[in-house]
Amino acid sequence: MNDTPPEIARMVRKRLLARSGEERLKMGSRMFLMARQMILASFPPGLPELEIKRRLCERLYGDEVDIAGFIANLQAKEKR
């Protein structure tokens, strides 16, 4: 769904592209970190670290990542 009028979308895009690549990268990084913080805040307290990572990966990447493979990789790293 996109309820933004086309003229506003063009204005926002023009302003975003007027920024340097460094500024856009920093903006994206800050937005990702804020989304991560909001997701973490929604989890029940006291979860084990591995469960936190699983839920975070699942919420951020959904079907784009093999969650079981991700967890297996983390578990293999823990055993080293």
C-alpha atoms as a PDB file:
ATOM      1  CA  MET A   1       0.000   0.000   0.000  1.00  0.00           C
ATOM      2  CA  ASN A   2       1.267   3.452  -0.849  1.00  0.00           C
ATOM      3  CA  ASP A   3      -0.870   6.395   0.183  1.00  0.00           C
ATOM      4  CA  THR A   4       1.795   9.038  -0.490  1.00  0.00           C
ATOM      5  CA  PRO A   5       0.825  11.477  -3.238  1.00  0.00           C
ATOM      6  CA  PRO A   6       3.219  11.236  -6.213  1.00  0.00           C
ATOM      7  CA  GLU A   7       4.394  14.865  -5.905  1.00  0.00           C
ATOM      8  CA  ILE A   8       5.349  14.295  -2.254  1.00  0.00           C
ATOM      9  CA  ALA A   9       7.140  11.052  -3.120  1.00  0.00           C
ATOM     10  CA  ARG A  10       9.142  12.900  -5.820  1.00  0.00           C
ATOM     11  CA  MET A  11      10.037  15.682  -3.386  1.00  0.00           C
ATOM     12  CA  VAL A  12      11.198  13.232  -0.708  1.00  0.00           C
ATOM     13  CA  ARG A  13      13.236  11.248  -3.241  1.00  0.00           C
ATOM     14  CA  LYS A  14      14.847  14.428  -4.596  1.00  0.00           C
ATOM     15  CA  ARG A  15      15.818  15.531  -1.085  1.00  0.00           C
ATOM     16  CA  LEU A  16      17.168  12.092  -0.212  1.00  0.00           C
ATOM     17  CA  LEU A  17      19.270  11.900  -3.371  1.00  0.00           C
ATOM     18  CA  ALA A  18      20.620  15.401  -2.695  1.00  0.00           C
ATOM     19  CA  ARG A  19      22.403  13.980   0.343  1.00  0.00           C
ATOM     20  CA  SER A  20      25.848  12.469   0.035  1.00  0.00           C
ATOM     21  CA  GLY A  21      26.282   8.714  -0.085  1.00  0.00           C
ATOM     22  CA  GLU A  22      27.810   8.879   3.382  1.00  0.00           C
ATOM     23  CA  GLU A  23      24.753  10.696   4.768  1.00  0.00           C
ATOM     24  CA  ARG A  24      22.367   8.196   3.160  1.00  0.00           C
ATOM     25  CA  LEU A  25      24.371   5.281   4.531  1.00  0.00           C
ATOM     26  CA  LYS A  26      24.283   6.783   8.026  1.00  0.00           C
ATOM     27  CA  MET A  27      20.516   7.362   7.755  1.00  0.00           C
ATOM     28  CA  GLY A  28      19.946   3.753   6.710  1.00  0.00           C
ATOM     29  CA  SER A  29      22.133   2.483   9.514  1.00  0.00           C
ATOM     30  CA  ARG A  30      20.293   4.564  12.107  1.00  0.00           C
ATOM     31  CA  MET A  31      16.910   3.405  10.795  1.00  0.00           C
ATOM     32  CA  PHE A  32      18.028  -0.234  10.949  1.00  0.00           C
ATOM     33  CA  LEU A  33      19.325   0.167  14.509  1.00  0.00           C
ATOM     34  CA  MET A  34      16.075   1.822  15.593  1.00  0.00           C
ATOM     35  CA  ALA A  35      14.002  -0.964  14.021  1.00  0.00           C
ATOM     36  CA  ARG A  36      16.244  -3.508  15.768  1.00  0.00           C
ATOM     37  CA  GLN A  37      15.745  -1.785  19.129  1.00  0.00           C
ATOM     38  CA  MET A  38      11.966  -1.734  18.683  1.00  0.00           C
ATOM     39  CA  ILE A  39      11.926  -5.424  17.772  1.00  0.00           C
ATOM     40  CA  LEU A  40      14.114  -6.345  20.760  1.00  0.00           C
ATOM     41  CA  ALA A  41      11.844  -4.327  23.063  1.00  0.00           C
ATOM     42  CA  SER A  42       8.864  -6.399  21.906  1.00  0.00           C
ATOM     43  CA  PHE A  43      10.415  -9.692  23.046  1.00  0.00           C
ATOM     44  CA  PRO A  44       9.554 -11.140  26.449  1.00  0.00           C
ATOM     45  CA  PRO A  45      12.289 -10.636  29.032  1.00  0.00           C
ATOM     46  CA  GLY A  46      14.659 -13.419  29.956  1.00  0.00           C
ATOM     47  CA  LEU A  47      14.978 -15.142  26.588  1.00  0.00           C
ATOM     48  CA  PRO A  48      18.221 -17.031  25.982  1.00  0.00           C
ATOM     49  CA  GLU A  49      20.634 -15.248  23.624  1.00  0.00           C
ATOM     50  CA  LEU A  50      20.187 -17.843  20.872  1.00  0.00           C
ATOM     51  CA  GLU A  51      16.397 -17.425  20.976  1.00  0.00           C
ATOM     52  CA  ILE A  52      16.759 -13.643  20.801  1.00  0.00           C
ATOM     53  CA  LYS A  53      18.960 -13.977  17.711  1.00  0.00           C
ATOM     54  CA  ARG A  54      16.529 -16.445  16.117  1.00  0.00           C
ATOM     55  CA  ARG A  55      13.528 -14.194  16.678  1.00  0.00           C
ATOM     56  CA  LEU A  56      15.406 -11.111  15.554  1.00  0.00           C
ATOM     57  CA  CYS A  57      16.557 -12.793  12.340  1.00  0.00           C
ATOM     58  CA  GLU A  58      13.067 -14.113  11.692  1.00  0.00           C
ATOM     59  CA  ARG A  59      11.462 -10.716  12.245  1.00  0.00           C
ATOM     60  CA  LEU A  60      13.997  -8.785  10.169  1.00  0.00           C
ATOM     61  CA  TYR A  61      14.446 -11.161   7.254  1.00  0.00           C
ATOM     62  CA  GLY A  62      11.427 -13.477   7.272  1.00  0.00           C
ATOM     63  CA  ASP A  63      11.464 -16.005   4.450  1.00  0.00           C
ATOM     64  CA  GLU A  64      14.556 -14.458   2.852  1.00  0.00           C
ATOM     65  CA  VAL A  65      16.838 -16.335   5.269  1.00  0.00           C
ATOM     66  CA  ASP A  66      17.004 -20.004   6.209  1.00  0.00           C
ATOM     67  CA  ILE A  67      16.384 -19.502   9.928  1.00  0.00           C
ATOM     68  CA  ALA A  68      17.194 -23.123  10.795  1.00  0.00           C
ATOM     69  CA  GLY A  69      20.501 -22.814   8.931  1.00  0.00           C
ATOM     70  CA  PHE A  70      21.225 -19.523  10.663  1.00  0.00           C
ATOM     71  CA  ILE A  71      20.668 -21.104  14.091  1.00  0.00           C
ATOM     72  CA  ALA A  72      22.716 -24.180  13.166  1.00  0.00           C
ATOM     73  CA  ASN A  73      25.577 -21.872  12.172  1.00  0.00           C
ATOM     74  CA  LEU A  74      25.367 -20.000  15.482  1.00  0.00           C
ATOM     75  CA  GLN A  75      25.306 -23.256  17.424  1.00  0.00           C
ATOM     76  CA  ALA A  76      28.352 -24.556  15.506  1.00  0.00           C
ATOM     77  CA  LYS A  77      30.219 -21.342  16.324  1.00  0.00           C
ATOM     78  CA  GLU A  78      29.377 -21.746  20.016  1.00  0.00           C
ATOM     79  CA  LYS A  79      30.915 -25.234  20.048  1.00  0.00           C
ATOM     80  CA  ARG A  80      34.296 -23.998  18.753  1.00  0.00           C
END
